[in-house]
Each structure stands twice: as structure tokens, then as C-alpha cells.
Amino acid sequence: MATQHHCDAIGSKMSGTSIPIGVLNARDALQVFLTEVEQEETLLRDYVMCIGYH
């Protein structure tokens, strides 16, 4: 019985070999997320204060 790669199981268009292309640092990912949340918070605060969107 042939085994199926995880990426193939979720419909990836990859070839049979999987090669890592980089490393994701959890701290960097959380920093990006925090920045996005802060931007959304600023937009919401401005909207509520009737300043509107920029």
C-alpha cells in the first residue's frame, strides 16, 4: 500500500518531494499578528470617535 504525503492529502500541487524553504520564528509571527491587531484597534477607535477611516 502506497503512503500519501500530508501535503498531497490536503490537495497541494507539490511534486512528490517536499523541501523546506525557510524557518518561521514564533516570536516573529506573533509580532506581525500583534501589529495587525494594533492597527485594527486604531481603526476601530478612530471610527468610534467619529474620526473615520484613513
C-alpha atoms as a PDB file:
ATOM      1  CA  MET A   1       0.000   0.000   0.000  1.00  0.00           C
ATOM      2  CA  ALA A   2       1.417   3.366  -1.016  1.00  0.00           C
ATOM      3  CA  THR A   3       1.703   6.069   1.604  1.00  0.00           C
ATOM      4  CA  GLN A   4       0.361   9.519   0.896  1.00  0.00           C
ATOM      5  CA  HIS A   5       2.216  12.676   1.948  1.00  0.00           C
ATOM      6  CA  HIS A   6       0.328  15.046   4.262  1.00  0.00           C
ATOM      7  CA  CYS A   7       0.587  17.869   1.689  1.00  0.00           C
ATOM      8  CA  ASP A   8      -0.864  15.628  -1.006  1.00  0.00           C
ATOM      9  CA  ALA A   9      -3.732  14.706   1.313  1.00  0.00           C
ATOM     10  CA  ILE A  10      -4.823  18.332   1.628  1.00  0.00           C
ATOM     11  CA  GLY A  11      -4.745  18.972  -2.111  1.00  0.00           C
ATOM     12  CA  SER A  12      -1.325  20.507  -2.558  1.00  0.00           C
ATOM     13  CA  LYS A  13       0.019  20.867  -6.089  1.00  0.00           C
ATOM     14  CA  MET A  14       3.550  19.960  -4.939  1.00  0.00           C
ATOM     15  CA  SER A  15       5.615  17.263  -6.540  1.00  0.00           C
ATOM     16  CA  GLY A  16       6.426  14.088  -4.628  1.00  0.00           C
ATOM     17  CA  THR A  17       9.351  15.673  -2.768  1.00  0.00           C
ATOM     18  CA  SER A  18       8.911  18.300  -0.078  1.00  0.00           C
ATOM     19  CA  ILE A  19      11.793  20.675   0.575  1.00  0.00           C
ATOM     20  CA  PRO A  20      11.697  23.226   3.419  1.00  0.00           C
ATOM     21  CA  ILE A  21      12.051  26.786   2.114  1.00  0.00           C
ATOM     22  CA  GLY A  22      12.597  28.540   5.437  1.00  0.00           C
ATOM     23  CA  VAL A  23      12.061  28.663   9.162  1.00  0.00           C
ATOM     24  CA  LEU A  24       9.283  30.562  10.882  1.00  0.00           C
ATOM     25  CA  ASN A  25      10.235  32.007  14.225  1.00  0.00           C
ATOM     26  CA  ALA A  26       7.254  32.079  16.608  1.00  0.00           C
ATOM     27  CA  ARG A  27       8.303  35.455  18.000  1.00  0.00           C
ATOM     28  CA  ASP A  28       8.339  36.996  14.516  1.00  0.00           C
ATOM     29  CA  ALA A  29       4.911  35.542  13.709  1.00  0.00           C
ATOM     30  CA  LEU A  30       3.440  36.864  16.967  1.00  0.00           C
ATOM     31  CA  GLN A  31       4.971  40.295  16.357  1.00  0.00           C
ATOM     32  CA  VAL A  32       3.276  40.508  12.939  1.00  0.00           C
ATOM     33  CA  PHE A  33      -0.015  39.408  14.484  1.00  0.00           C
ATOM     34  CA  LEU A  34       0.274  41.977  17.282  1.00  0.00           C
ATOM     35  CA  THR A  35       0.994  44.744  14.772  1.00  0.00           C
ATOM     36  CA  GLU A  36      -2.109  43.827  12.773  1.00  0.00           C
ATOM     37  CA  VAL A  37      -4.245  43.780  15.931  1.00  0.00           C
ATOM     38  CA  GLU A  38      -2.931  47.190  16.970  1.00  0.00           C
ATOM     39  CA  GLN A  39      -3.771  48.607  13.528  1.00  0.00           C
ATOM     40  CA  GLU A  40      -7.305  47.204  13.735  1.00  0.00           C
ATOM     41  CA  GLU A  41      -7.693  48.646  17.231  1.00  0.00           C
ATOM     42  CA  THR A  42      -6.628  52.079  15.982  1.00  0.00           C
ATOM     43  CA  LEU A  43      -9.095  51.922  13.092  1.00  0.00           C
ATOM     44  CA  LEU A  44     -11.926  50.905  15.415  1.00  0.00           C
ATOM     45  CA  ARG A  45     -11.084  53.610  17.952  1.00  0.00           C
ATOM     46  CA  ASP A  46     -10.971  56.263  15.214  1.00  0.00           C
ATOM     47  CA  TYR A  47     -14.296  55.062  13.834  1.00  0.00           C
ATOM     48  CA  VAL A  48     -15.976  55.124  17.247  1.00  0.00           C
ATOM     49  CA  MET A  49     -14.564  58.602  17.927  1.00  0.00           C
ATOM     50  CA  CYS A  50     -16.125  59.752  14.591  1.00  0.00           C
ATOM     51  CA  ILE A  51     -12.743  60.429  13.027  1.00  0.00           C
ATOM     52  CA  GLY A  52     -13.420  57.771  10.390  1.00  0.00           C
ATOM     53  CA  TYR A  53     -11.125  55.554   8.396  1.00  0.00           C
ATOM     54  CA  HIS A  54      -7.884  56.875   6.928  1.00  0.00           C
END
